[in-house]
């Protein structure tokens, strides 16, 4: 799975439809047809950075990778 902000594959699943990018240190949440990107402040609070409406191919890729990661028991 690729990070919607930096494109890195260094991502991990942290919850249902929630992911973390180790390269740019953001959380992203898939919500319907939108991806919400949160920066993490030094105290650990998530601050909404942007909301993206990815094209259908990107969204399908995010969801497919999340499902395959769960089936394989991996986070990426």
PDB file of N, CA and C in Angstrom:
ATOM      1  N   UNK A   1       0.836  -1.174   0.000  1.00  0.00           N
ATOM      2  CA  UNK A   1       0.000   0.000   0.000  1.00  0.00           C
ATOM      3  C   UNK A   1       0.881   1.238   0.000  1.00  0.00           C
ATOM      4  N   UNK A   2       0.477   2.225  -0.721  1.00  0.00           N
ATOM      5  CA  UNK A   2       1.240   3.468  -0.794  1.00  0.00           C
ATOM      6  C   UNK A   2       0.579   4.567   0.034  1.00  0.00           C
ATOM      7  N   UNK A   3       1.418   5.387   0.621  1.00  0.00           N
ATOM      8  CA  UNK A   3       0.952   6.546   1.380  1.00  0.00           C
ATOM      9  C   UNK A   3       0.350   7.555   0.397  1.00  0.00           C
ATOM     10  N   UNK A   4      -0.842   8.106   0.698  1.00  0.00           N
ATOM     11  CA  UNK A   4      -1.442   9.080  -0.204  1.00  0.00           C
ATOM     12  C   UNK A   4      -0.729  10.431  -0.189  1.00  0.00           C
ATOM     13  N   UNK A   5       0.139  10.662   0.801  1.00  0.00           N
ATOM     14  CA  UNK A   5       0.851  11.938   0.867  1.00  0.00           C
ATOM     15  C   UNK A   5       2.203  11.874   0.153  1.00  0.00           C
ATOM     16  N   UNK A   6       3.032  10.867   0.492  1.00  0.00           N
ATOM     17  CA  UNK A   6       4.388  10.837  -0.069  1.00  0.00           C
ATOM     18  C   UNK A   6       4.615   9.701  -1.066  1.00  0.00           C
ATOM     19  N   UNK A   7       3.677   8.752  -1.160  1.00  0.00           N
ATOM     20  CA  UNK A   7       3.806   7.650  -2.107  1.00  0.00           C
ATOM     21  C   UNK A   7       4.649   6.487  -1.612  1.00  0.00           C
ATOM     22  N   UNK A   8       5.134   6.554  -0.384  1.00  0.00           N
ATOM     23  CA  UNK A   8       5.978   5.497   0.173  1.00  0.00           C
ATOM     24  C   UNK A   8       5.177   4.217   0.403  1.00  0.00           C
ATOM     25  N   UNK A   9       5.871   3.089   0.362  1.00  0.00           N
ATOM     26  CA  UNK A   9       5.252   1.801   0.688  1.00  0.00           C
ATOM     27  C   UNK A   9       5.515   1.413   2.149  1.00  0.00           C
ATOM     28  N   UNK A  10       6.179   2.283   2.904  1.00  0.00           N
ATOM     29  CA  UNK A  10       6.479   2.008   4.314  1.00  0.00           C
ATOM     30  C   UNK A  10       5.283   2.375   5.179  1.00  0.00           C
ATOM     31  N   UNK A  11       4.190   1.646   4.985  1.00  0.00           N
ATOM     32  CA  UNK A  11       2.961   1.922   5.720  1.00  0.00           C
ATOM     33  C   UNK A  11       2.558   0.707   6.528  1.00  0.00           C
ATOM     34  N   UNK A  12       1.787   0.948   7.560  1.00  0.00           N
ATOM     35  CA  UNK A  12       1.285  -0.146   8.378  1.00  0.00           C
ATOM     36  C   UNK A  12      -0.136   0.129   8.816  1.00  0.00           C
ATOM     37  N   UNK A  13      -0.859  -0.928   9.065  1.00  0.00           N
ATOM     38  CA  UNK A  13      -2.252  -0.821   9.496  1.00  0.00           C
ATOM     39  C   UNK A  13      -2.279  -0.591  11.001  1.00  0.00           C
ATOM     40  N   UNK A  14      -3.046   0.421  11.450  1.00  0.00           N
ATOM     41  CA  UNK A  14      -3.141   0.701  12.880  1.00  0.00           C
ATOM     42  C   UNK A  14      -4.567   0.545  13.402  1.00  0.00           C
ATOM     43  N   UNK A  15      -5.497   0.305  12.516  1.00  0.00           N
ATOM     44  CA  UNK A  15      -6.893   0.123  12.904  1.00  0.00           C
ATOM     45  C   UNK A  15      -7.718  -0.162  11.668  1.00  0.00           C
ATOM     46  N   UNK A  16      -9.030  -0.296  11.871  1.00  0.00           N
ATOM     47  CA  UNK A  16      -9.902  -0.554  10.730  1.00  0.00           C
ATOM     48  C   UNK A  16      -9.906   0.669   9.825  1.00  0.00           C
ATOM     49  N   UNK A  17      -9.447   0.491   8.590  1.00  0.00           N
ATOM     50  CA  UNK A  17      -9.351   1.561   7.596  1.00  0.00           C
ATOM     51  C   UNK A  17      -8.429   2.691   8.043  1.00  0.00           C
ATOM     52  N   UNK A  18      -7.482   2.407   8.965  1.00  0.00           N
ATOM     53  CA  UNK A  18      -6.538   3.408   9.446  1.00  0.00           C
ATOM     54  C   UNK A  18      -5.114   2.891   9.258  1.00  0.00           C
ATOM     55  N   UNK A  19      -4.246   3.782   8.761  1.00  0.00           N
ATOM     56  CA  UNK A  19      -2.885   3.388   8.418  1.00  0.00           C
ATOM     57  C   UNK A  19      -1.901   4.451   8.863  1.00  0.00           C
ATOM     58  N   UNK A  20      -0.618   4.080   8.944  1.00  0.00           N
ATOM     59  CA  UNK A  20       0.446   4.997   9.343  1.00  0.00           C
ATOM     60  C   UNK A  20       1.584   4.906   8.337  1.00  0.00           C
ATOM     61  N   UNK A  21       2.152   6.035   7.968  1.00  0.00           N
ATOM     62  CA  UNK A  21       3.307   6.058   7.070  1.00  0.00           C
ATOM     63  C   UNK A  21       4.554   6.352   7.894  1.00  0.00           C
ATOM     64  N   UNK A  22       5.504   5.457   7.849  1.00  0.00           N
ATOM     65  CA  UNK A  22       6.746   5.606   8.613  1.00  0.00           C
ATOM     66  C   UNK A  22       7.679   6.626   7.980  1.00  0.00           C
ATOM     67  N   UNK A  23       7.526   6.924   6.699  1.00  0.00           N
ATOM     68  CA  UNK A  23       8.432   7.863   6.033  1.00  0.00           C
ATOM     69  C   UNK A  23       8.046   9.326   6.260  1.00  0.00           C
ATOM     70  N   UNK A  24       6.759   9.637   6.180  1.00  0.00           N
ATOM     71  CA  UNK A  24       6.370  11.037   6.387  1.00  0.00           C
ATOM     72  C   UNK A  24       5.609  11.240   7.698  1.00  0.00           C
ATOM     73  N   UNK A  25       5.476  10.177   8.484  1.00  0.00           N
ATOM     74  CA  UNK A  25       4.896  10.248   9.835  1.00  0.00           C
ATOM     75  C   UNK A  25       3.489  10.831   9.874  1.00  0.00           C
ATOM     76  N   UNK A  26       2.622  10.309   9.004  1.00  0.00           N
ATOM     77  CA  UNK A  26       1.218  10.719   9.018  1.00  0.00           C
ATOM     78  C   UNK A  26       0.341   9.486   9.178  1.00  0.00           C
ATOM     79  N   UNK A  27      -0.839   9.713   9.731  1.00  0.00           N
ATOM     80  CA  UNK A  27      -1.878   8.687   9.741  1.00  0.00           C
ATOM     81  C   UNK A  27      -2.822   9.015   8.605  1.00  0.00           C
ATOM     82  N   UNK A  28      -3.369   7.984   7.976  1.00  0.00           N
ATOM     83  CA  UNK A  28      -4.411   8.239   6.996  1.00  0.00           C
ATOM     84  C   UNK A  28      -5.535   7.249   7.197  1.00  0.00           C
ATOM     85  N   UNK A  29      -6.762   7.762   7.042  1.00  0.00           N
ATOM     86  CA  UNK A  29      -7.976   7.003   7.274  1.00  0.00           C
ATOM     87  C   UNK A  29      -8.792   6.981   5.997  1.00  0.00           C
ATOM     88  N   UNK A  30      -9.198   5.793   5.583  1.00  0.00           N
ATOM     89  CA  UNK A  30     -10.058   5.651   4.415  1.00  0.00           C
ATOM     90  C   UNK A  30     -11.497   5.721   4.915  1.00  0.00           C
ATOM     91  N   UNK A  31     -12.241   6.706   4.421  1.00  0.00           N
ATOM     92  CA  UNK A  31     -13.629   6.903   4.840  1.00  0.00           C
ATOM     93  C   UNK A  31     -14.486   7.107   3.600  1.00  0.00           C
ATOM     94  N   UNK A  32     -15.173   6.047   3.194  1.00  0.00           N
ATOM     95  CA  UNK A  32     -15.980   6.121   1.979  1.00  0.00           C
ATOM     96  C   UNK A  32     -15.091   6.340   0.775  1.00  0.00           C
ATOM     97  N   UNK A  33     -15.336   7.415   0.044  1.00  0.00           N
ATOM     98  CA  UNK A  33     -14.516   7.698  -1.132  1.00  0.00           C
ATOM     99  C   UNK A  33     -13.445   8.746  -0.836  1.00  0.00           C
ATOM    100  N   UNK A  34     -13.178   9.008   0.440  1.00  0.00           N
ATOM    101  CA  UNK A  34     -12.192  10.007   0.830  1.00  0.00           C
ATOM    102  C   UNK A  34     -11.085   9.387   1.664  1.00  0.00           C
ATOM    103  N   UNK A  35      -9.912  10.003   1.603  1.00  0.00           N
ATOM    104  CA  UNK A  35      -8.804   9.633   2.469  1.00  0.00           C
ATOM    105  C   UNK A  35      -8.461  10.873   3.283  1.00  0.00           C
ATOM    106  N   UNK A  36      -8.545  10.749   4.598  1.00  0.00           N
ATOM    107  CA  UNK A  36      -8.198  11.856   5.494  1.00  0.00           C
ATOM    108  C   UNK A  36      -6.773  11.635   5.986  1.00  0.00           C
ATOM    109  N   UNK A  37      -5.952  12.680   5.882  1.00  0.00           N
ATOM    110  CA  UNK A  37      -4.549  12.597   6.269  1.00  0.00           C
ATOM    111  C   UNK A  37      -4.343  13.449   7.513  1.00  0.00           C
ATOM    112  N   UNK A  38      -3.744  12.838   8.549  1.00  0.00           N
ATOM    113  CA  UNK A  38      -3.512  13.508   9.823  1.00  0.00           C
ATOM    114  C   UNK A  38      -2.026  13.562  10.129  1.00  0.00           C
ATOM    115  N   UNK A  39      -1.540  14.727  10.556  1.00  0.00           N
ATOM    116  CA  UNK A  39      -0.175  14.811  11.078  1.00  0.00           C
ATOM    117  C   UNK A  39      -0.270  14.533  12.582  1.00  0.00           C
ATOM    118  N   UNK A  40       0.824  14.077  13.144  1.00  0.00           N
ATOM    119  CA  UNK A  40       0.859  13.755  14.572  1.00  0.00           C
ATOM    120  C   UNK A  40       1.736  14.786  15.272  1.00  0.00           C
ATOM    121  N   UNK A  41       1.168  15.492  16.261  1.00  0.00           N
ATOM    122  CA  UNK A  41       1.963  16.501  16.964  1.00  0.00           C
ATOM    123  C   UNK A  41       2.860  15.831  18.007  1.00  0.00           C
ATOM    124  N   UNK A  42       3.805  16.566  18.572  1.00  0.00           N
ATOM    125  CA  UNK A  42       4.754  15.974  19.525  1.00  0.00           C
ATOM    126  C   UNK A  42       4.105  15.300  20.741  1.00  0.00           C
ATOM    127  N   UNK A  43       2.895  15.716  21.084  1.00  0.00           N
ATOM    128  CA  UNK A  43       2.200  15.108  22.221  1.00  0.00           C
ATOM    129  C   UNK A  43       1.365  13.900  21.810  1.00  0.00           C
ATOM    130  N   UNK A  44       1.347  13.585  20.521  1.00  0.00           N
ATOM    131  CA  UNK A  44       0.650  12.398  20.031  1.00  0.00           C
ATOM    132  C   UNK A  44      -0.756  12.629  19.512  1.00  0.00           C
ATOM    133  N   UNK A  45      -1.189  13.881  19.478  1.00  0.00           N
ATOM    134  CA  UNK A  45      -2.533  14.170  18.974  1.00  0.00           C
ATOM    135  C   UNK A  45      -2.535  14.188  17.445  1.00  0.00           C
ATOM    136  N   UNK A  46      -3.598  13.659  16.856  1.00  0.00           N
ATOM    137  CA  UNK A  46      -3.743  13.662  15.403  1.00  0.00           C
ATOM    138  C   UNK A  46      -4.424  14.959  14.972  1.00  0.00           C
ATOM    139  N   UNK A  47      -3.800  15.670  14.025  1.00  0.00           N
ATOM    140  CA  UNK A  47      -4.317  16.941  13.539  1.00  0.00           C
ATOM    141  C   UNK A  47      -4.632  16.782  12.050  1.00  0.00           C
ATOM    142  N   UNK A  48      -5.881  17.051  11.676  1.00  0.00           N
ATOM    143  CA  UNK A  48      -6.292  16.902  10.279  1.00  0.00           C
ATOM    144  C   UNK A  48      -5.447  17.807   9.394  1.00  0.00           C
ATOM    145  N   UNK A  49      -4.782  17.200   8.443  1.00  0.00           N
ATOM    146  CA  UNK A  49      -3.908  17.931   7.527  1.00  0.00           C
ATOM    147  C   UNK A  49      -4.604  18.174   6.190  1.00  0.00           C
ATOM    148  N   UNK A  50      -5.254  17.145   5.652  1.00  0.00           N
ATOM    149  CA  UNK A  50      -5.956  17.300   4.386  1.00  0.00           C
ATOM    150  C   UNK A  50      -6.946  16.166   4.183  1.00  0.00           C
ATOM    151  N   UNK A  51      -7.869  16.408   3.275  1.00  0.00           N
ATOM    152  CA  UNK A  51      -8.839  15.397   2.864  1.00  0.00           C
ATOM    153  C   UNK A  51      -8.696  15.264   1.362  1.00  0.00           C
ATOM    154  N   UNK A  52      -8.441  14.045   0.906  1.00  0.00           N
ATOM    155  CA  UNK A  52      -8.275  13.802  -0.523  1.00  0.00           C
ATOM    156  C   UNK A  52      -9.410  12.931  -1.019  1.00  0.00           C
ATOM    157  N   UNK A  53      -9.805  13.181  -2.235  1.00  0.00           N
ATOM    158  CA  UNK A  53     -10.749  12.314  -2.918  1.00  0.00           C
ATOM    159  C   UNK A  53      -9.956  11.621  -4.020  1.00  0.00           C
ATOM    160  N   UNK A  54      -9.368  10.476  -3.694  1.00  0.00           N
ATOM    161  CA  UNK A  54      -8.521   9.811  -4.682  1.00  0.00           C
ATOM    162  C   UNK A  54      -9.355   9.289  -5.834  1.00  0.00           C
ATOM    163  N   UNK A  55      -8.688   9.090  -6.979  1.00  0.00           N
ATOM    164  CA  UNK A  55      -9.432   8.496  -8.078  1.00  0.00           C
ATOM    165  C   UNK A  55      -9.770   7.050  -7.700  1.00  0.00           C
ATOM    166  N   UNK A  56     -10.689   6.469  -8.381  1.00  0.00           N
ATOM    167  CA  UNK A  56     -11.201   5.143  -8.016  1.00  0.00           C
ATOM    168  C   UNK A  56     -10.103   4.083  -8.016  1.00  0.00           C
ATOM    169  N   UNK A  57      -9.119   4.190  -8.902  1.00  0.00           N
ATOM    170  CA  UNK A  57      -8.023   3.222  -8.945  1.00  0.00           C
ATOM    171  C   UNK A  57      -7.207   3.268  -7.664  1.00  0.00           C
ATOM    172  N   UNK A  58      -6.869   4.483  -7.188  1.00  0.00           N
ATOM    173  CA  UNK A  58      -6.102   4.625  -5.948  1.00  0.00           C
ATOM    174  C   UNK A  58      -6.885   4.075  -4.768  1.00  0.00           C
ATOM    175  N   UNK A  59      -8.166   4.399  -4.681  1.00  0.00           N
ATOM    176  CA  UNK A  59      -8.990   3.942  -3.573  1.00  0.00           C
ATOM    177  C   UNK A  59      -9.107   2.423  -3.573  1.00  0.00           C
ATOM    178  N   UNK A  60      -9.300   1.830  -4.746  1.00  0.00           N
ATOM    179  CA  UNK A  60      -9.374   0.366  -4.842  1.00  0.00           C
ATOM    180  C   UNK A  60      -8.069  -0.261  -4.397  1.00  0.00           C
ATOM    181  N   UNK A  61      -6.945   0.349  -4.755  1.00  0.00           N
ATOM    182  CA  UNK A  61      -5.639  -0.166  -4.366  1.00  0.00           C
ATOM    183  C   UNK A  61      -5.466  -0.127  -2.858  1.00  0.00           C
ATOM    184  N   UNK A  62      -5.866   0.971  -2.230  1.00  0.00           N
ATOM    185  CA  UNK A  62      -5.758   1.084  -0.774  1.00  0.00           C
ATOM    186  C   UNK A  62      -6.599   0.008  -0.105  1.00  0.00           C
ATOM    187  N   UNK A  63      -7.843  -0.150  -0.551  1.00  0.00           N
ATOM    188  CA  UNK A  63      -8.730  -1.141   0.066  1.00  0.00           C
ATOM    189  C   UNK A  63      -8.260  -2.567  -0.194  1.00  0.00           C
ATOM    190  N   UNK A  64      -7.830  -2.873  -1.424  1.00  0.00           N
ATOM    191  CA  UNK A  64      -7.354  -4.218  -1.747  1.00  0.00           C
ATOM    192  C   UNK A  64      -6.136  -4.578  -0.914  1.00  0.00           C
ATOM    193  N   UNK A  65      -5.205  -3.650  -0.777  1.00  0.00           N
ATOM    194  CA  UNK A  65      -4.011  -3.912   0.018  1.00  0.00           C
ATOM    195  C   UNK A  65      -4.356  -4.113   1.482  1.00  0.00           C
ATOM    196  N   UNK A  66      -5.335  -3.372   1.983  1.00  0.00           N
ATOM    197  CA  UNK A  66      -5.751  -3.543   3.372  1.00  0.00           C
ATOM    198  C   UNK A  66      -6.340  -4.928   3.581  1.00  0.00           C
ATOM    199  N   UNK A  67      -7.166  -5.388   2.661  1.00  0.00           N
ATOM    200  CA  UNK A  67      -7.780  -6.710   2.769  1.00  0.00           C
ATOM    201  C   UNK A  67      -6.731  -7.810   2.654  1.00  0.00           C
ATOM    202  N   UNK A  68      -5.802  -7.674   1.698  1.00  0.00           N
ATOM    203  CA  UNK A  68      -4.769  -8.691   1.530  1.00  0.00           C
ATOM    204  C   UNK A  68      -3.838  -8.723   2.737  1.00  0.00           C
ATOM    205  N   UNK A  69      -3.553  -7.575   3.321  1.00  0.00           N
ATOM    206  CA  UNK A  69      -2.717  -7.525   4.518  1.00  0.00           C
ATOM    207  C   UNK A  69      -3.359  -8.254   5.672  1.00  0.00           C
ATOM    208  N   UNK A  70      -4.669  -8.120   5.818  1.00  0.00           N
ATOM    209  CA  UNK A  70      -5.379  -8.832   6.884  1.00  0.00           C
ATOM    210  C   UNK A  70      -5.379 -10.332   6.641  1.00  0.00           C
ATOM    211  N   UNK A  71      -5.551 -10.722   5.385  1.00  0.00           N
ATOM    212  CA  UNK A  71      -5.584 -12.150   5.074  1.00  0.00           C
ATOM    213  C   UNK A  71      -4.230 -12.805   5.289  1.00  0.00           C
ATOM    214  N   UNK A  72      -3.142 -12.055   5.024  1.00  0.00           N
ATOM    215  CA  UNK A  72      -1.807 -12.602   5.198  1.00  0.00           C
ATOM    216  C   UNK A  72      -1.289 -12.407   6.612  1.00  0.00           C
ATOM    217  N   UNK A  73      -1.965 -11.559   7.386  1.00  0.00           N
ATOM    218  CA  UNK A  73      -1.521 -11.286   8.754  1.00  0.00           C
ATOM    219  C   UNK A  73      -0.361 -10.308   8.803  1.00  0.00           C
ATOM    220  N   UNK A  74      -0.229  -9.471   7.746  1.00  0.00           N
ATOM    221  CA  UNK A  74       0.830  -8.482   7.719  1.00  0.00           C
ATOM    222  C   UNK A  74       0.242  -7.092   7.810  1.00  0.00           C
ATOM    223  N   UNK A  75       1.112  -6.109   7.983  1.00  0.00           N
ATOM    224  CA  UNK A  75       0.651  -4.731   8.088  1.00  0.00           C
ATOM    225  C   UNK A  75       0.903  -3.906   6.850  1.00  0.00           C
ATOM    226  N   UNK A  76       1.507  -4.443   5.819  1.00  0.00           N
ATOM    227  CA  UNK A  76       1.777  -3.627   4.652  1.00  0.00           C
ATOM    228  C   UNK A  76       1.232  -4.262   3.402  1.00  0.00           C
TER     229      UNK A  76
END
